[in-house]
């Protein structure tokens, strides 16, 4: 089975402390690495100001994770958990076409 590349971007609330943010990122990296998926890289992009308010916040910390997997179980689990996590303001999962 061929591996699919995904880019997962999520926005973390800006008022979360560094220790809680690190634990949140570690948790989601572990969720994405489950079921045989490979986390290629996981990094903070930056704290950015929004064009409009999201849940009464004007800015947030963007975090980007690149994942390779041959099934969608871990991606679907991340999606499910991010929807119910109050520390994640928004998230987006994009299937990447890295053919050159």
C-alpha atoms as a PDB file:
ATOM      1  CA  UNK A   1       0.000   0.000   0.000  1.00  0.00           C
ATOM      2  CA  UNK A   2       1.343   3.454  -0.849  1.00  0.00           C
ATOM      3  CA  UNK A   3       1.928   6.090   1.757  1.00  0.00           C
ATOM      4  CA  UNK A   4      -0.009   9.345   1.707  1.00  0.00           C
ATOM      5  CA  UNK A   5       1.493  12.634   2.858  1.00  0.00           C
ATOM      6  CA  UNK A   6      -0.617  14.951   4.999  1.00  0.00           C
ATOM      7  CA  UNK A   7      -0.044  18.432   6.351  1.00  0.00           C
ATOM      8  CA  UNK A   8      -1.926  19.062   9.582  1.00  0.00           C
ATOM      9  CA  UNK A   9      -2.194  22.674  10.752  1.00  0.00           C
ATOM     10  CA  UNK A  10      -3.840  23.638  13.999  1.00  0.00           C
ATOM     11  CA  UNK A  11      -4.169  26.893  15.929  1.00  0.00           C
ATOM     12  CA  UNK A  12      -3.563  26.824  19.677  1.00  0.00           C
ATOM     13  CA  UNK A  13      -5.065  29.385  22.054  1.00  0.00           C
ATOM     14  CA  UNK A  14      -2.520  32.159  22.741  1.00  0.00           C
ATOM     15  CA  UNK A  15      -3.121  32.298  26.508  1.00  0.00           C
ATOM     16  CA  UNK A  16      -2.052  28.701  27.163  1.00  0.00           C
ATOM     17  CA  UNK A  17       1.206  28.450  29.151  1.00  0.00           C
ATOM     18  CA  UNK A  18       4.337  26.939  27.569  1.00  0.00           C
ATOM     19  CA  UNK A  19       4.228  23.729  29.613  1.00  0.00           C
ATOM     20  CA  UNK A  20       0.587  23.035  28.690  1.00  0.00           C
ATOM     21  CA  UNK A  21       1.309  23.887  25.050  1.00  0.00           C
ATOM     22  CA  UNK A  22       4.238  21.454  24.952  1.00  0.00           C
ATOM     23  CA  UNK A  23       2.054  18.718  26.482  1.00  0.00           C
ATOM     24  CA  UNK A  24      -0.716  19.430  23.944  1.00  0.00           C
ATOM     25  CA  UNK A  25       1.710  19.236  21.006  1.00  0.00           C
ATOM     26  CA  UNK A  26       3.258  16.022  22.364  1.00  0.00           C
ATOM     27  CA  UNK A  27      -0.216  14.492  22.779  1.00  0.00           C
ATOM     28  CA  UNK A  28      -1.270  15.308  19.219  1.00  0.00           C
ATOM     29  CA  UNK A  29       2.068  14.131  17.798  1.00  0.00           C
ATOM     30  CA  UNK A  30       1.478  10.802  19.564  1.00  0.00           C
ATOM     31  CA  UNK A  31      -2.087  10.609  18.218  1.00  0.00           C
ATOM     32  CA  UNK A  32      -0.796  11.234  14.692  1.00  0.00           C
ATOM     33  CA  UNK A  33       2.033   8.697  15.124  1.00  0.00           C
ATOM     34  CA  UNK A  34      -0.406   5.953  16.142  1.00  0.00           C
ATOM     35  CA  UNK A  35      -1.407   3.092  13.808  1.00  0.00           C
ATOM     36  CA  UNK A  36       1.902   3.100  11.941  1.00  0.00           C
ATOM     37  CA  UNK A  37       1.890   6.735  10.786  1.00  0.00           C
ATOM     38  CA  UNK A  38       5.210   8.594  10.661  1.00  0.00           C
ATOM     39  CA  UNK A  39       5.484  12.187  11.902  1.00  0.00           C
ATOM     40  CA  UNK A  40       8.037  13.719   9.521  1.00  0.00           C
ATOM     41  CA  UNK A  41       8.223  17.051  11.364  1.00  0.00           C
ATOM     42  CA  UNK A  42       6.259  18.990  13.943  1.00  0.00           C
ATOM     43  CA  UNK A  43       6.972  22.678  14.475  1.00  0.00           C
ATOM     44  CA  UNK A  44       5.470  25.953  15.577  1.00  0.00           C
ATOM     45  CA  UNK A  45       4.989  28.339  12.711  1.00  0.00           C
ATOM     46  CA  UNK A  46       4.397  31.504  14.714  1.00  0.00           C
ATOM     47  CA  UNK A  47       1.898  33.497  16.706  1.00  0.00           C
ATOM     48  CA  UNK A  48      -0.284  35.376  14.226  1.00  0.00           C
ATOM     49  CA  UNK A  49      -3.117  37.862  14.327  1.00  0.00           C
ATOM     50  CA  UNK A  50      -6.434  36.715  12.841  1.00  0.00           C
ATOM     51  CA  UNK A  51      -8.454  38.601  10.259  1.00  0.00           C
ATOM     52  CA  UNK A  52     -11.489  38.088  12.517  1.00  0.00           C
ATOM     53  CA  UNK A  53     -12.119  36.876  16.060  1.00  0.00           C
ATOM     54  CA  UNK A  54     -12.259  33.137  16.746  1.00  0.00           C
ATOM     55  CA  UNK A  55     -13.908  32.296  20.077  1.00  0.00           C
ATOM     56  CA  UNK A  56     -13.114  35.810  21.396  1.00  0.00           C
ATOM     57  CA  UNK A  57      -9.401  35.530  20.448  1.00  0.00           C
ATOM     58  CA  UNK A  58      -7.660  37.933  18.048  1.00  0.00           C
ATOM     59  CA  UNK A  59      -4.485  35.821  17.627  1.00  0.00           C
ATOM     60  CA  UNK A  60      -3.225  32.276  18.018  1.00  0.00           C
ATOM     61  CA  UNK A  61      -0.179  30.016  17.737  1.00  0.00           C
ATOM     62  CA  UNK A  62      -0.030  28.061  14.479  1.00  0.00           C
ATOM     63  CA  UNK A  63       1.492  24.571  14.637  1.00  0.00           C
ATOM     64  CA  UNK A  64       2.256  22.496  11.529  1.00  0.00           C
ATOM     65  CA  UNK A  65       2.790  18.721  11.396  1.00  0.00           C
ATOM     66  CA  UNK A  66       3.765  16.695   8.315  1.00  0.00           C
ATOM     67  CA  UNK A  67       2.689  13.046   8.437  1.00  0.00           C
ATOM     68  CA  UNK A  68       3.159   9.999   6.207  1.00  0.00           C
ATOM     69  CA  UNK A  69       0.705   7.124   6.592  1.00  0.00           C
ATOM     70  CA  UNK A  70      -0.743   4.215   4.660  1.00  0.00           C
ATOM     71  CA  UNK A  71      -4.132   4.456   6.409  1.00  0.00           C
ATOM     72  CA  UNK A  72      -6.284   7.314   7.683  1.00  0.00           C
ATOM     73  CA  UNK A  73      -6.952   6.030  11.218  1.00  0.00           C
ATOM     74  CA  UNK A  74      -4.599   8.424  13.003  1.00  0.00           C
ATOM     75  CA  UNK A  75      -5.684  11.373  10.823  1.00  0.00           C
ATOM     76  CA  UNK A  76      -9.340  10.679  11.597  1.00  0.00           C
ATOM     77  CA  UNK A  77      -8.589  10.357  15.316  1.00  0.00           C
ATOM     78  CA  UNK A  78      -6.721  13.694  15.301  1.00  0.00           C
ATOM     79  CA  UNK A  79      -9.688  15.311  13.537  1.00  0.00           C
ATOM     80  CA  UNK A  80     -12.123  13.910  16.106  1.00  0.00           C
ATOM     81  CA  UNK A  81     -10.042  15.014  19.105  1.00  0.00           C
ATOM     82  CA  UNK A  82      -9.228  18.485  17.738  1.00  0.00           C
ATOM     83  CA  UNK A  83     -12.931  19.215  17.244  1.00  0.00           C
ATOM     84  CA  UNK A  84     -13.652  18.718  20.943  1.00  0.00           C
ATOM     85  CA  UNK A  85     -10.448  20.220  22.424  1.00  0.00           C
ATOM     86  CA  UNK A  86     -10.978  23.745  23.800  1.00  0.00           C
ATOM     87  CA  UNK A  87      -7.262  24.574  23.447  1.00  0.00           C
ATOM     88  CA  UNK A  88      -7.418  24.099  19.650  1.00  0.00           C
ATOM     89  CA  UNK A  89      -9.208  27.018  18.011  1.00  0.00           C
ATOM     90  CA  UNK A  90      -9.141  25.673  14.441  1.00  0.00           C
ATOM     91  CA  UNK A  91      -7.493  22.861  12.505  1.00  0.00           C
ATOM     92  CA  UNK A  92      -7.041  21.861   8.886  1.00  0.00           C
ATOM     93  CA  UNK A  93      -5.847  18.613   7.316  1.00  0.00           C
ATOM     94  CA  UNK A  94      -4.529  18.710   3.760  1.00  0.00           C
ATOM     95  CA  UNK A  95      -3.521  15.730   1.649  1.00  0.00           C
ATOM     96  CA  UNK A  96      -0.249  16.683  -0.050  1.00  0.00           C
ATOM     97  CA  UNK A  97       0.725  15.697  -3.556  1.00  0.00           C
ATOM     98  CA  UNK A  98       4.525  15.652  -3.336  1.00  0.00           C
ATOM     99  CA  UNK A  99       5.148  14.230  -6.810  1.00  0.00           C
ATOM    100  CA  UNK A 100       7.780  16.136  -8.742  1.00  0.00           C
END
